[in-house]
Amino acid sequence: METKLRGRAWVYGDNIDTDVIIPARYLVTSDPKELARHCMEDIDTTFAQNVRPGDIIAAGSNFGCGSSREHAPLAIKGAGVSCVIAPSFARIFYRNAINIGLPILECAEARSISKGDEIEADLSNGIITNVTKGETYTAKPFPEFIQNIIELGGLAPYVRFRLGK
């Protein structure tokens, strides 16, 4: 897995819940590409059509609150987002993101990121660089075993790898 991610920032506020990330009316599938077509559409009608592979979501506190659906991080990952940065995440979203291999970084300075800023995030050490503004922020890096889960694409592939299958 590439430990340095780079992309344009899409910025959202506090308490972005899973119903906003992927509206319930689309939960008839678990296909990440289909979910991606509707990702964030109730808060940002331009996101799904304009997000590019590698882009990064920066958000406020409590990102991913609401229901425990795994569809929310699946939609984000399916849209090609390489990482989500926020001061805090709802615990179930945090767990679901790790389980599907979506990197997320907790960083209080995420609020300094503006839409369209070019962001580089180094997952190995937690250093986030806002290339546009010339600023550097620090997030707590994941322990090695979580980095391995993300690198292998999520918990299921990690378990298969560990079992030698």
C-alpha atoms as a PDB file:
ATOM      1  CA  MET A   1       0.000   0.000   0.000  1.00  0.00           C
ATOM      2  CA  GLU A   2       1.114   3.487  -0.722  1.00  0.00           C
ATOM      3  CA  THR A   3       1.720   5.164   2.639  1.00  0.00           C
ATOM      4  CA  LYS A   4       1.754   8.666   1.150  1.00  0.00           C
ATOM      5  CA  LEU A   5      -1.597   9.713  -0.213  1.00  0.00           C
ATOM      6  CA  ARG A   6      -2.187  12.901  -2.171  1.00  0.00           C
ATOM      7  CA  GLY A   7      -5.365  14.480  -3.439  1.00  0.00           C
ATOM      8  CA  ARG A   8      -7.753  17.406  -3.525  1.00  0.00           C
ATOM      9  CA  ALA A   9      -9.756  18.116  -0.418  1.00  0.00           C
ATOM     10  CA  TRP A  10     -13.518  17.884  -0.174  1.00  0.00           C
ATOM     11  CA  VAL A  11     -14.577  19.623   3.031  1.00  0.00           C
ATOM     12  CA  TYR A  12     -17.621  18.981   5.215  1.00  0.00           C
ATOM     13  CA  GLY A  13     -18.672  20.109   8.687  1.00  0.00           C
ATOM     14  CA  ASP A  14     -19.401  18.485  12.021  1.00  0.00           C
ATOM     15  CA  ASN A  15     -21.703  15.526  12.609  1.00  0.00           C
ATOM     16  CA  ILE A  16     -21.829  14.244   9.046  1.00  0.00           C
ATOM     17  CA  ASP A  17     -23.939  11.148   9.550  1.00  0.00           C
ATOM     18  CA  THR A  18     -24.124   7.930   7.604  1.00  0.00           C
ATOM     19  CA  ASP A  19     -27.487   8.935   6.084  1.00  0.00           C
ATOM     20  CA  VAL A  20     -25.759  11.913   4.491  1.00  0.00           C
ATOM     21  CA  ILE A  21     -22.771   9.854   3.359  1.00  0.00           C
ATOM     22  CA  ILE A  22     -25.041   7.300   1.680  1.00  0.00           C
ATOM     23  CA  PRO A  23     -28.808   7.875   1.876  1.00  0.00           C
ATOM     24  CA  ALA A  24     -30.869   4.919   3.099  1.00  0.00           C
ATOM     25  CA  ARG A  25     -32.783   4.718  -0.204  1.00  0.00           C
ATOM     26  CA  TYR A  26     -29.618   3.264  -1.805  1.00  0.00           C
ATOM     27  CA  LEU A  27     -29.003   0.502   0.718  1.00  0.00           C
ATOM     28  CA  VAL A  28     -30.421  -2.152  -1.598  1.00  0.00           C
ATOM     29  CA  THR A  29     -26.851  -2.940  -2.691  1.00  0.00           C
ATOM     30  CA  SER A  30     -23.442  -3.399  -1.113  1.00  0.00           C
ATOM     31  CA  ASP A  31     -21.600  -2.805  -4.388  1.00  0.00           C
ATOM     32  CA  PRO A  32     -19.047  -0.052  -3.661  1.00  0.00           C
ATOM     33  CA  LYS A  33     -19.189   1.367  -7.214  1.00  0.00           C
ATOM     34  CA  GLU A  34     -22.987   1.613  -7.156  1.00  0.00           C
ATOM     35  CA  LEU A  35     -22.931   3.190  -3.689  1.00  0.00           C
ATOM     36  CA  ALA A  36     -20.251   5.629  -4.887  1.00  0.00           C
ATOM     37  CA  ARG A  37     -22.659   7.017  -7.507  1.00  0.00           C
ATOM     38  CA  HIS A  38     -24.773   8.403  -4.644  1.00  0.00           C
ATOM     39  CA  CYS A  39     -22.100   9.201  -2.082  1.00  0.00           C
ATOM     40  CA  MET A  40     -22.717  12.537  -0.300  1.00  0.00           C
ATOM     41  CA  GLU A  41     -25.494  13.485  -2.747  1.00  0.00           C
ATOM     42  CA  ASP A  42     -27.865  14.852  -0.090  1.00  0.00           C
ATOM     43  CA  ILE A  43     -25.241  17.316   1.150  1.00  0.00           C
ATOM     44  CA  ASP A  44     -23.167  17.874  -2.007  1.00  0.00           C
ATOM     45  CA  THR A  45     -24.754  17.140  -5.370  1.00  0.00           C
ATOM     46  CA  THR A  46     -21.410  17.674  -7.132  1.00  0.00           C
ATOM     47  CA  PHE A  47     -19.346  15.164  -5.149  1.00  0.00           C
ATOM     48  CA  ALA A  48     -20.076  11.868  -6.912  1.00  0.00           C
ATOM     49  CA  GLN A  49     -19.673  13.373 -10.380  1.00  0.00           C
ATOM     50  CA  ASN A  50     -16.487  15.325  -9.610  1.00  0.00           C
ATOM     51  CA  VAL A  51     -14.515  13.310  -7.072  1.00  0.00           C
ATOM     52  CA  ARG A  52     -11.291  11.924  -8.529  1.00  0.00           C
ATOM     53  CA  PRO A  53      -9.359   8.850  -7.445  1.00  0.00           C
ATOM     54  CA  GLY A  54      -7.060   9.811  -4.592  1.00  0.00           C
ATOM     55  CA  ASP A  55      -9.112  12.784  -3.384  1.00  0.00           C
ATOM     56  CA  ILE A  56      -9.364  13.266   0.373  1.00  0.00           C
ATOM     57  CA  ILE A  57     -12.323  14.154   2.572  1.00  0.00           C
ATOM     58  CA  ALA A  58     -11.623  16.600   5.410  1.00  0.00           C
ATOM     59  CA  ALA A  59     -14.427  17.042   7.895  1.00  0.00           C
ATOM     60  CA  GLY A  60     -15.381  18.311  11.313  1.00  0.00           C
ATOM     61  CA  SER A  61     -15.926  16.359  14.487  1.00  0.00           C
ATOM     62  CA  ASN A  62     -17.947  13.164  14.822  1.00  0.00           C
ATOM     63  CA  PHE A  63     -17.725  12.191  11.151  1.00  0.00           C
ATOM     64  CA  GLY A  64     -19.802   9.085  10.372  1.00  0.00           C
ATOM     65  CA  CYS A  65     -22.224   9.347  13.272  1.00  0.00           C
ATOM     66  CA  GLY A  66     -25.662   7.764  13.027  1.00  0.00           C
ATOM     67  CA  SER A  67     -26.368   4.204  12.031  1.00  0.00           C
ATOM     68  CA  SER A  68     -23.822   1.420  12.066  1.00  0.00           C
ATOM     69  CA  ARG A  69     -24.082   0.683   8.351  1.00  0.00           C
ATOM     70  CA  GLU A  70     -20.886  -0.382   6.662  1.00  0.00           C
ATOM     71  CA  HIS A  71     -22.267   1.086   3.437  1.00  0.00           C
ATOM     72  CA  ALA A  72     -21.009   4.568   4.386  1.00  0.00           C
ATOM     73  CA  PRO A  73     -17.264   3.848   4.278  1.00  0.00           C
ATOM     74  CA  LEU A  74     -17.867   1.494   1.325  1.00  0.00           C
ATOM     75  CA  ALA A  75     -19.435   4.372  -0.629  1.00  0.00           C
ATOM     76  CA  ILE A  76     -16.514   6.666   0.201  1.00  0.00           C
ATOM     77  CA  LYS A  77     -13.904   4.076  -0.732  1.00  0.00           C
ATOM     78  CA  GLY A  78     -15.857   3.125  -3.867  1.00  0.00           C
ATOM     79  CA  ALA A  79     -15.811   6.781  -4.925  1.00  0.00           C
ATOM     80  CA  GLY A  80     -12.019   6.625  -4.965  1.00  0.00           C
ATOM     81  CA  VAL A  81     -11.410   8.698  -1.845  1.00  0.00           C
ATOM     82  CA  SER A  82      -7.994   7.730  -0.503  1.00  0.00           C
ATOM     83  CA  CYS A  83      -8.393   8.999   3.057  1.00  0.00           C
ATOM     84  CA  VAL A  84     -10.730  10.802   5.444  1.00  0.00           C
ATOM     85  CA  ILE A  85      -9.289  13.321   7.907  1.00  0.00           C
ATOM     86  CA  ALA A  86     -11.341  14.685  10.810  1.00  0.00           C
ATOM     87  CA  PRO A  87     -10.853  15.747  14.438  1.00  0.00           C
ATOM     88  CA  SER A  88     -12.964  12.761  15.508  1.00  0.00           C
ATOM     89  CA  PHE A  89     -15.008   9.912  14.090  1.00  0.00           C
ATOM     90  CA  ALA A  90     -18.049   8.092  15.382  1.00  0.00           C
ATOM     91  CA  ARG A  91     -16.649   4.875  16.847  1.00  0.00           C
ATOM     92  CA  ILE A  92     -18.688   2.507  14.675  1.00  0.00           C
ATOM     93  CA  PHE A  93     -17.692   4.402  11.515  1.00  0.00           C
ATOM     94  CA  TYR A  94     -14.059   4.277  12.646  1.00  0.00           C
ATOM     95  CA  ARG A  95     -14.282   0.500  13.067  1.00  0.00           C
ATOM     96  CA  ASN A  96     -16.145  -0.018   9.793  1.00  0.00           C
ATOM     97  CA  ALA A  97     -13.589   2.093   7.902  1.00  0.00           C
ATOM     98  CA  ILE A  98     -10.702   0.004   9.237  1.00  0.00           C
ATOM     99  CA  ASN A  99     -12.644  -3.201   8.531  1.00  0.00           C
ATOM    100  CA  ILE A 100     -12.939  -2.320   4.826  1.00  0.00           C
ATOM    101  CA  GLY A 101      -9.455  -0.808   4.522  1.00  0.00           C
ATOM    102  CA  LEU A 102     -10.381   2.885   4.275  1.00  0.00           C
ATOM    103  CA  PRO A 103      -7.648   5.001   5.893  1.00  0.00           C
ATOM    104  CA  ILE A 104      -8.911   7.598   8.356  1.00  0.00           C
ATOM    105  CA  LEU A 105      -6.839  10.030  10.374  1.00  0.00           C
ATOM    106  CA  GLU A 106      -7.881  11.874  13.512  1.00  0.00           C
ATOM    107  CA  CYS A 107      -6.450  15.370  13.334  1.00  0.00           C
ATOM    108  CA  ALA A 108      -7.744  18.505  15.081  1.00  0.00           C
ATOM    109  CA  GLU A 109      -6.201  20.723  12.400  1.00  0.00           C
ATOM    110  CA  ALA A 110      -8.455  19.170   9.758  1.00  0.00           C
ATOM    111  CA  ARG A 111     -10.612  22.264  10.270  1.00  0.00           C
ATOM    112  CA  SER A 112      -7.837  24.341   8.622  1.00  0.00           C
ATOM    113  CA  ILE A 113      -8.253  22.514   5.313  1.00  0.00           C
ATOM    114  CA  SER A 114     -10.281  24.285   2.628  1.00  0.00           C
ATOM    115  CA  LYS A 115     -12.133  22.756  -0.299  1.00  0.00           C
ATOM    116  CA  GLY A 116      -9.780  22.173  -3.191  1.00  0.00           C
ATOM    117  CA  ASP A 117      -6.582  22.302  -1.115  1.00  0.00           C
ATOM    118  CA  GLU A 118      -3.955  19.807  -2.231  1.00  0.00           C
ATOM    119  CA  ILE A 119      -3.360  17.481   0.719  1.00  0.00           C
ATOM    120  CA  GLU A 120      -0.667  14.889   1.296  1.00  0.00           C
ATOM    121  CA  ALA A 121      -1.124  12.401   4.131  1.00  0.00           C
ATOM    122  CA  ASP A 122       1.630  10.032   5.233  1.00  0.00           C
ATOM    123  CA  LEU A 123      -0.113   7.110   6.901  1.00  0.00           C
ATOM    124  CA  SER A 124       3.110   5.683   8.314  1.00  0.00           C
ATOM    125  CA  ASN A 125       3.859   8.675  10.550  1.00  0.00           C
ATOM    126  CA  GLY A 126       0.611  10.672  10.661  1.00  0.00           C
ATOM    127  CA  ILE A 127       2.070  13.766   8.993  1.00  0.00           C
ATOM    128  CA  ILE A 128      -0.479  15.662   6.919  1.00  0.00           C
ATOM    129  CA  THR A 129       0.763  18.407   4.618  1.00  0.00           C
ATOM    130  CA  ASN A 130      -1.517  21.033   3.184  1.00  0.00           C
ATOM    131  CA  VAL A 131       0.531  21.672   0.049  1.00  0.00           C
ATOM    132  CA  THR A 132      -1.704  24.571  -0.997  1.00  0.00           C
ATOM    133  CA  LYS A 133      -1.282  26.479   2.281  1.00  0.00           C
ATOM    134  CA  GLY A 134       2.222  25.284   3.154  1.00  0.00           C
ATOM    135  CA  GLU A 135       0.998  23.935   6.516  1.00  0.00           C
ATOM    136  CA  THR A 136       1.758  20.690   8.314  1.00  0.00           C
ATOM    137  CA  TYR A 137      -0.598  18.927  10.727  1.00  0.00           C
ATOM    138  CA  THR A 138      -0.079  15.887  12.897  1.00  0.00           C
ATOM    139  CA  ALA A 139      -2.372  12.912  13.328  1.00  0.00           C
ATOM    140  CA  LYS A 140      -1.695   9.887  15.467  1.00  0.00           C
ATOM    141  CA  PRO A 141      -0.511   7.143  13.121  1.00  0.00           C
ATOM    142  CA  PHE A 142      -2.115   3.728  13.279  1.00  0.00           C
ATOM    143  CA  PRO A 143      -0.326   0.919  15.088  1.00  0.00           C
ATOM    144  CA  GLU A 144       1.459  -1.458  12.728  1.00  0.00           C
ATOM    145  CA  PHE A 145      -1.257  -4.136  12.842  1.00  0.00           C
ATOM    146  CA  ILE A 146      -3.932  -1.638  11.746  1.00  0.00           C
ATOM    147  CA  GLN A 147      -1.625  -0.371   9.003  1.00  0.00           C
ATOM    148  CA  ASN A 148      -1.380  -4.010   7.877  1.00  0.00           C
ATOM    149  CA  ILE A 149      -5.185  -4.375   7.860  1.00  0.00           C
ATOM    150  CA  ILE A 150      -5.522  -1.239   5.709  1.00  0.00           C
ATOM    151  CA  GLU A 151      -2.657  -2.302   3.437  1.00  0.00           C
ATOM    152  CA  LEU A 152      -4.311  -5.661   2.754  1.00  0.00           C
ATOM    153  CA  GLY A 153      -7.666  -4.022   1.957  1.00  0.00           C
ATOM    154  CA  GLY A 154      -9.544  -4.644   5.185  1.00  0.00           C
ATOM    155  CA  LEU A 155     -10.115  -7.100   7.990  1.00  0.00           C
ATOM    156  CA  ALA A 156     -11.324 -10.066   5.889  1.00  0.00           C
ATOM    157  CA  PRO A 157      -8.282 -10.036   3.563  1.00  0.00           C
ATOM    158  CA  TYR A 158      -6.043  -9.547   6.617  1.00  0.00           C
ATOM    159  CA  VAL A 159      -7.508 -12.612   8.339  1.00  0.00           C
ATOM    160  CA  ARG A 160      -7.160 -14.681   5.153  1.00  0.00           C
ATOM    161  CA  PHE A 161      -3.526 -13.579   4.892  1.00  0.00           C
ATOM    162  CA  ARG A 162      -2.851 -14.419   8.546  1.00  0.00           C
ATOM    163  CA  LEU A 163      -4.402 -17.850   8.099  1.00  0.00           C
ATOM    164  CA  GLY A 164      -2.229 -18.431   5.027  1.00  0.00           C
ATOM    165  CA  LYS A 165      -5.097 -18.648   2.562  1.00  0.00           C
END
